[in-house]
Amino acid sequence: MEIPVIDFSELSGEKRSETMALLHEACEKWGFFQIESHGIDKQLMERVKQLVNQHYEVNMKKTFYESDIAKSFKDQGNTTNIDWESTFFVWHRPSSNINELTDLSEDLRKTMEDYIDQLIKLAEKLSELMCENLGLDKSCIKETFSGENGPSVGTKVAKYPRCPNPELVRGLREHTDAGGIILLLQDDQVPGLQFYKDGRWVEIPPSKNNTIFVNTGDQLEILSNGRYKSCLHRVMADENGSRLSIATFYNPAGDATISPAPKLLYPNHFRFQDYLKLYATTKFADKGPRFECMKEMANGQQSLPA
């Protein structure tokens, strides 16, 4: 199964409409895709991965294997409610906590912030493209996600350590993401990420050439009135490799109010006889304008044509 790949370099050329259609299909039918030519400095991306791996080896690896999670697994206890992962979380917007994470090196903190500055621009561009495909104002997602101080942005940094018995535990159990747009910088060697599509699990290969892997979360499904789906996914444990995952969440602020975009709602609360009256004069026309007319009628903005 070929995972959709969106080449952002083609958005400004002759293939723009084709690329936009591919993005729309990926959001509607898949809920996940990869982005090439995204404009983020690839040397910066490599540096982020290098520094995170160094931090794990020095500060997290020993602690993980001495943790209750590893011990419960070793004792062959219940492994159905644990995740075989070692993580930390960084908030970036509306305010950052990265300087409070004092065990992170200054180099890692600075490099992470530089990377996130570029990644947020990509997330906002992607949100505008999604809005365009949905027929919404280009700022709709950003404005909906914004509380008093704008959308919320945070990064979950995870390592999935080598596991002696990967058949007994998940790296991360099956779930959908609660938020909006998730942008993943992942390992280029070790696999493990899987998404559920059409009744089976699809393996997501390691990201070569620092492509960005994207999936859509629950709030985008709600905002799009179900057009764009959040997709079930998981991470498999591995006995041979230690997988890296740097997942950045472009989410609604905690005080943002989420609801389907009104333009994407079907008409409702109308009398069928009113619909039939409109249908009699528009039967052989496209149904879209008819639905819009019924929505406006229900909202008191329009009356039936005489």
Protein backbone atom coordinates (compact mmCIF):
# COMPACT_ATOMS: atom_id res chain seq x y z
CA MET A 1 0.00 0.00 0.00
CA GLU A 2 1.61 3.23 -1.20
CA ILE A 3 1.45 6.02 1.41
CA PRO A 4 0.54 9.42 -0.12
CA VAL A 5 3.51 11.74 -0.62
CA ILE A 6 2.83 15.48 -1.01
CA ASP A 7 5.60 17.40 -2.76
CA PHE A 8 5.33 21.00 -1.57
CA SER A 9 7.61 22.20 -4.37
CA GLU A 10 4.78 21.46 -6.83
CA LEU A 11 2.34 23.81 -5.10
CA SER A 12 3.74 26.78 -6.97
CA GLY A 13 3.90 25.20 -10.41
CA GLU A 14 1.74 23.64 -13.08
CA LYS A 15 0.94 20.66 -10.84
CA ARG A 16 -0.64 22.73 -8.07
CA SER A 17 -4.21 21.55 -8.65
CA GLU A 18 -3.05 17.93 -8.90
CA THR A 19 -1.04 18.28 -5.68
CA MET A 20 -3.95 19.93 -3.85
CA ALA A 21 -6.23 17.09 -4.96
CA LEU A 22 -3.71 14.54 -3.67
CA LEU A 23 -3.54 16.35 -0.32
CA HIS A 24 -7.34 16.42 -0.08
CA GLU A 25 -7.58 12.71 -0.82
CA ALA A 26 -4.87 11.94 1.74
CA CYS A 27 -6.76 13.86 4.44
CA GLU A 28 -10.14 12.34 3.51
CA LYS A 29 -9.24 8.74 2.75
CA TRP A 30 -6.04 8.14 4.73
CA GLY A 31 -5.63 10.53 7.64
CA PHE A 32 -1.85 10.39 7.20
CA PHE A 33 0.75 11.24 4.55
CA GLN A 34 4.34 12.37 3.99
CA ILE A 35 5.59 15.80 2.93
CA GLU A 36 8.62 16.29 0.69
CA SER A 37 10.29 19.63 -0.14
CA HIS A 38 8.79 21.11 3.02
CA GLY A 39 11.38 23.88 3.31
CA ILE A 40 12.72 22.97 6.75
CA ASP A 41 16.51 23.01 7.01
CA LYS A 42 17.55 19.35 6.73
CA GLN A 43 20.86 19.91 8.49
CA LEU A 44 18.86 21.33 11.40
CA MET A 45 16.62 18.26 11.39
CA GLU A 46 19.66 15.97 11.47
CA ARG A 47 21.11 17.97 14.34
CA VAL A 48 17.88 17.68 16.36
CA LYS A 49 17.86 13.89 15.92
CA GLN A 50 21.55 13.61 16.80
CA LEU A 51 21.20 15.68 19.99
CA VAL A 52 18.05 13.85 21.11
CA ASN A 53 19.75 10.47 20.62
CA GLN A 54 22.74 11.70 22.63
CA HIS A 55 20.47 12.94 25.38
CA TYR A 56 18.70 9.58 25.54
CA GLU A 57 21.95 7.62 25.81
CA VAL A 58 23.32 9.83 28.61
CA ASN A 59 20.18 10.76 30.57
CA MET A 60 17.28 8.41 29.80
CA LYS A 61 18.40 4.93 28.77
CA LYS A 62 19.64 3.64 32.14
CA THR A 63 16.67 5.19 33.94
CA PHE A 64 14.23 3.49 31.57
CA TYR A 65 15.62 -0.01 32.05
CA GLU A 66 15.51 0.52 35.82
CA SER A 67 11.92 1.86 35.71
CA ASP A 68 8.77 0.16 36.97
CA ILE A 69 7.70 -0.36 33.35
CA ALA A 70 10.79 -2.39 32.51
CA LYS A 71 10.66 -4.27 35.83
CA SER A 72 6.99 -5.22 35.46
CA PHE A 73 7.74 -6.49 31.98
CA LYS A 74 10.73 -8.49 33.21
CA ASP A 75 8.60 -10.11 35.89
CA GLN A 76 6.12 -11.20 33.19
CA GLY A 77 3.36 -9.16 34.79
CA ASN A 78 0.48 -7.47 33.00
CA THR A 79 1.87 -5.76 29.89
CA THR A 80 -1.43 -4.81 28.26
CA ASN A 81 -1.63 -1.42 29.98
CA ILE A 82 1.94 -0.21 29.56
CA ASP A 83 3.87 1.44 26.73
CA TRP A 84 7.48 0.49 26.03
CA GLU A 85 8.70 4.05 25.55
CA SER A 86 10.92 6.66 27.16
CA THR A 87 9.65 10.23 26.68
CA PHE A 88 9.71 13.87 27.60
CA PHE A 89 7.41 16.70 26.49
CA VAL A 90 8.25 20.28 25.52
CA TRP A 91 5.75 23.14 25.30
CA HIS A 92 6.51 25.80 22.67
CA ARG A 93 3.38 27.94 22.23
CA PRO A 94 1.75 30.02 23.55
CA SER A 95 4.66 29.90 26.03
CA SER A 96 7.72 27.67 26.19
CA ASN A 97 8.93 25.53 29.07
CA ILE A 98 12.09 24.33 27.38
CA ASN A 99 14.43 26.32 29.62
CA GLU A 100 12.83 24.64 32.64
CA LEU A 101 14.05 21.26 31.36
CA THR A 102 17.47 21.71 32.90
CA ASP A 103 18.74 18.23 32.01
CA LEU A 104 18.57 19.17 28.32
CA SER A 105 21.80 20.62 26.99
CA GLU A 106 21.82 24.24 25.91
CA ASP A 107 22.67 23.07 22.39
CA LEU A 108 19.61 20.76 22.28
CA ARG A 109 17.29 23.45 23.63
CA LYS A 110 18.48 26.04 21.11
CA THR A 111 18.42 23.58 18.19
CA MET A 112 14.93 22.37 19.12
CA GLU A 113 13.59 25.94 19.26
CA ASP A 114 15.09 26.77 15.86
CA TYR A 115 13.53 23.62 14.39
CA ILE A 116 10.12 24.35 15.93
CA ASP A 117 10.11 27.92 14.56
CA GLN A 118 10.39 26.47 11.05
CA LEU A 119 7.96 23.63 11.74
CA ILE A 120 5.21 25.97 12.95
CA LYS A 121 5.40 27.83 9.64
CA LEU A 122 4.91 24.50 7.87
CA ALA A 123 1.95 23.62 10.12
CA GLU A 124 0.30 26.96 9.40
CA LYS A 125 0.88 26.58 5.66
CA LEU A 126 -0.58 23.09 5.79
CA SER A 127 -3.62 24.34 7.73
CA GLU A 128 -4.23 26.98 5.04
CA LEU A 129 -4.05 24.36 2.29
CA MET A 130 -6.50 22.14 4.16
CA CYS A 131 -8.88 25.08 4.53
CA GLU A 132 -8.63 25.82 0.82
CA ASN A 133 -9.48 22.21 -0.01
CA LEU A 134 -12.46 22.32 2.36
CA GLY A 135 -13.75 25.58 0.87
CA LEU A 136 -13.11 27.51 4.10
CA ASP A 137 -11.37 30.82 4.72
CA LYS A 138 -7.65 30.04 4.76
CA SER A 139 -7.28 31.14 8.38
CA CYS A 140 -10.23 29.06 9.65
CA ILE A 141 -8.20 26.29 11.32
CA LYS A 142 -5.73 28.68 12.93
CA GLU A 143 -8.49 30.99 14.18
CA THR A 144 -10.56 28.07 15.49
CA PHE A 145 -7.53 26.65 17.30
CA SER A 146 -6.62 30.02 18.79
CA GLY A 147 -7.53 30.92 22.33
CA GLU A 148 -6.52 34.29 23.73
CA ASN A 149 -2.88 33.66 22.78
CA GLY A 150 -3.04 31.55 19.61
CA PRO A 151 -2.88 27.79 19.00
CA SER A 152 -1.07 25.41 21.32
CA VAL A 153 2.13 23.77 20.09
CA GLY A 154 4.06 21.07 21.92
CA THR A 155 6.46 18.23 21.12
CA LYS A 156 6.56 14.70 22.47
CA VAL A 157 10.09 13.35 22.19
CA ALA A 158 10.15 9.56 22.43
CA LYS A 159 12.58 6.71 22.19
CA TYR A 160 11.29 3.19 21.86
CA PRO A 161 14.13 1.16 23.42
CA ARG A 162 15.21 -2.29 22.36
CA CYS A 163 12.73 -4.75 23.82
CA PRO A 164 13.66 -8.35 24.76
CA ASN A 165 10.13 -9.68 24.05
CA PRO A 166 8.38 -7.35 21.59
CA GLU A 167 5.52 -9.79 21.05
CA LEU A 168 4.36 -9.16 24.64
CA VAL A 169 4.08 -5.37 24.64
CA ARG A 170 3.45 -2.34 22.43
CA GLY A 171 5.85 0.53 22.07
CA LEU A 172 2.69 2.68 22.18
CA ARG A 173 -0.82 1.25 22.35
CA GLU A 174 -3.49 1.83 19.70
CA HIS A 175 -4.99 5.34 19.80
CA THR A 176 -6.03 8.37 17.80
CA ASP A 177 -4.46 11.75 18.54
CA ALA A 178 -6.62 14.20 20.50
CA GLY A 179 -5.44 17.37 18.78
CA GLY A 180 -5.20 18.91 15.33
CA ILE A 181 -2.23 18.46 12.99
CA ILE A 182 0.66 16.22 14.03
CA LEU A 183 4.03 16.62 12.31
CA LEU A 184 6.50 13.80 12.91
CA LEU A 185 10.26 13.76 12.50
CA GLN A 186 11.07 10.09 12.91
CA ASP A 187 13.86 7.57 12.76
CA ASP A 188 15.48 6.96 9.37
CA GLN A 189 16.53 3.38 10.22
CA VAL A 190 14.21 1.68 12.74
CA PRO A 191 10.55 0.94 11.81
CA GLY A 192 7.64 0.41 14.18
CA LEU A 193 4.92 2.97 13.42
CA GLN A 194 1.69 1.51 12.05
CA PHE A 195 -1.61 3.08 10.96
CA TYR A 196 -4.94 1.32 10.55
CA LYS A 197 -6.57 1.59 7.13
CA ASP A 198 -9.18 -0.48 5.30
CA GLY A 199 -9.26 -3.21 7.92
CA ARG A 200 -5.52 -3.77 8.27
CA TRP A 201 -2.41 -2.28 9.81
CA VAL A 202 -0.15 -0.37 7.42
CA GLU A 203 3.54 -0.20 8.27
CA ILE A 204 5.02 3.28 7.99
CA PRO A 205 8.62 2.98 6.80
CA PRO A 206 11.43 5.00 8.39
CA SER A 207 11.61 8.52 6.98
CA LYS A 208 14.37 8.83 4.40
CA ASN A 209 15.76 12.24 3.43
CA ASN A 210 14.02 13.84 6.42
CA THR A 211 10.53 13.84 5.02
CA ILE A 212 7.90 15.02 7.51
CA PHE A 213 5.18 12.50 8.32
CA VAL A 214 1.77 14.06 9.05
CA ASN A 215 -1.41 12.72 10.57
CA THR A 216 -4.67 14.44 11.47
CA GLY A 217 -6.17 14.40 14.96
CA ASP A 218 -9.63 14.30 16.52
CA GLN A 219 -10.16 18.08 16.56
CA LEU A 220 -9.57 18.37 12.83
CA GLU A 221 -12.12 15.60 12.25
CA ILE A 222 -14.63 17.57 14.33
CA LEU A 223 -13.85 20.92 12.67
CA SER A 224 -14.19 19.36 9.20
CA ASN A 225 -17.49 17.72 10.19
CA GLY A 226 -15.99 14.29 9.58
CA ARG A 227 -14.44 15.04 6.19
CA TYR A 228 -10.88 14.64 7.48
CA LYS A 229 -10.46 11.59 9.70
CA SER A 230 -8.25 10.99 12.69
CA CYS A 231 -6.70 7.57 12.22
CA LEU A 232 -5.95 4.79 14.69
CA HIS A 233 -2.23 4.11 15.03
CA ARG A 234 0.33 2.39 17.24
CA VAL A 235 4.04 1.75 17.66
CA MET A 236 5.39 -1.80 17.73
CA ALA A 237 8.23 -2.71 20.07
CA ASP A 238 11.45 -3.93 18.45
CA GLU A 239 14.19 -6.20 19.78
CA ASN A 240 16.83 -5.00 17.34
CA GLY A 241 16.52 -1.22 17.17
CA SER A 242 15.81 1.80 19.34
CA ARG A 243 13.36 3.98 17.39
CA LEU A 244 13.33 7.79 17.58
CA SER A 245 10.12 9.83 17.34
CA ILE A 246 9.83 13.64 17.57
CA ALA A 247 6.12 14.40 17.21
CA THR A 248 4.99 18.03 17.24
CA PHE A 249 1.31 18.78 17.88
CA TYR A 250 -0.32 21.85 16.32
CA ASN A 251 -3.37 21.87 18.57
CA PRO A 252 -6.23 24.05 19.74
CA ALA A 253 -5.48 26.17 22.78
CA GLY A 254 -7.03 24.88 25.98
CA ASP A 255 -9.60 27.71 25.94
CA ALA A 256 -10.45 27.33 22.22
CA THR A 257 -14.07 26.40 21.45
CA ILE A 258 -14.26 23.62 18.87
CA SER A 259 -17.22 22.84 16.63
CA PRO A 260 -17.75 21.88 12.99
CA ALA A 261 -17.19 24.75 10.56
CA PRO A 262 -20.73 26.01 9.77
CA LYS A 263 -20.01 25.95 6.04
CA LEU A 264 -19.41 22.19 6.21
CA LEU A 265 -22.64 21.33 8.02
CA TYR A 266 -25.60 19.86 6.20
CA PRO A 267 -28.83 21.87 6.37
CA ASN A 268 -31.02 20.95 9.31
CA HIS A 269 -34.26 21.89 11.12
CA PHE A 270 -36.27 22.56 7.96
CA ARG A 271 -39.65 21.30 6.78
CA PHE A 272 -39.56 18.71 4.03
CA GLN A 273 -42.30 20.55 2.14
CA ASP A 274 -40.03 23.60 1.96
CA TYR A 275 -37.26 21.45 0.55
CA LEU A 276 -39.62 20.00 -2.05
CA LYS A 277 -40.72 23.47 -3.11
CA LEU A 278 -37.10 24.47 -3.72
CA TYR A 279 -36.36 21.12 -5.36
CA ALA A 280 -39.16 21.64 -7.88
CA THR A 281 -37.28 24.58 -9.39
CA THR A 282 -33.73 23.23 -8.99
CA LYS A 283 -34.12 19.49 -9.63
CA PHE A 284 -31.72 19.42 -12.56
CA ALA A 285 -29.14 21.72 -10.97
CA ASP A 286 -26.31 20.80 -8.63
CA LYS A 287 -27.54 19.97 -5.11
CA GLY A 288 -24.81 22.02 -3.37
CA PRO A 289 -26.43 25.44 -3.85
CA ARG A 290 -29.77 23.88 -2.86
CA PHE A 291 -28.30 22.71 0.44
CA GLU A 292 -26.77 26.14 1.03
CA CYS A 293 -30.14 27.77 0.39
CA MET A 294 -31.79 25.48 2.94
CA LYS A 295 -29.10 26.30 5.52
CA GLU A 296 -29.69 30.01 5.00
CA MET A 297 -33.43 29.49 5.33
CA ALA A 298 -32.97 27.60 8.60
CA ASN A 299 -30.83 30.47 9.89
CA GLY A 300 -33.43 33.03 8.83
CA GLN A 301 -31.13 34.58 6.25
CA GLN A 302 -33.23 33.71 3.20
CA SER A 303 -36.76 32.77 2.24
CA LEU A 304 -37.94 30.39 -0.43
CA PRO A 305 -38.13 31.83 -3.94
CA ALA A 306 -41.71 32.68 -4.91
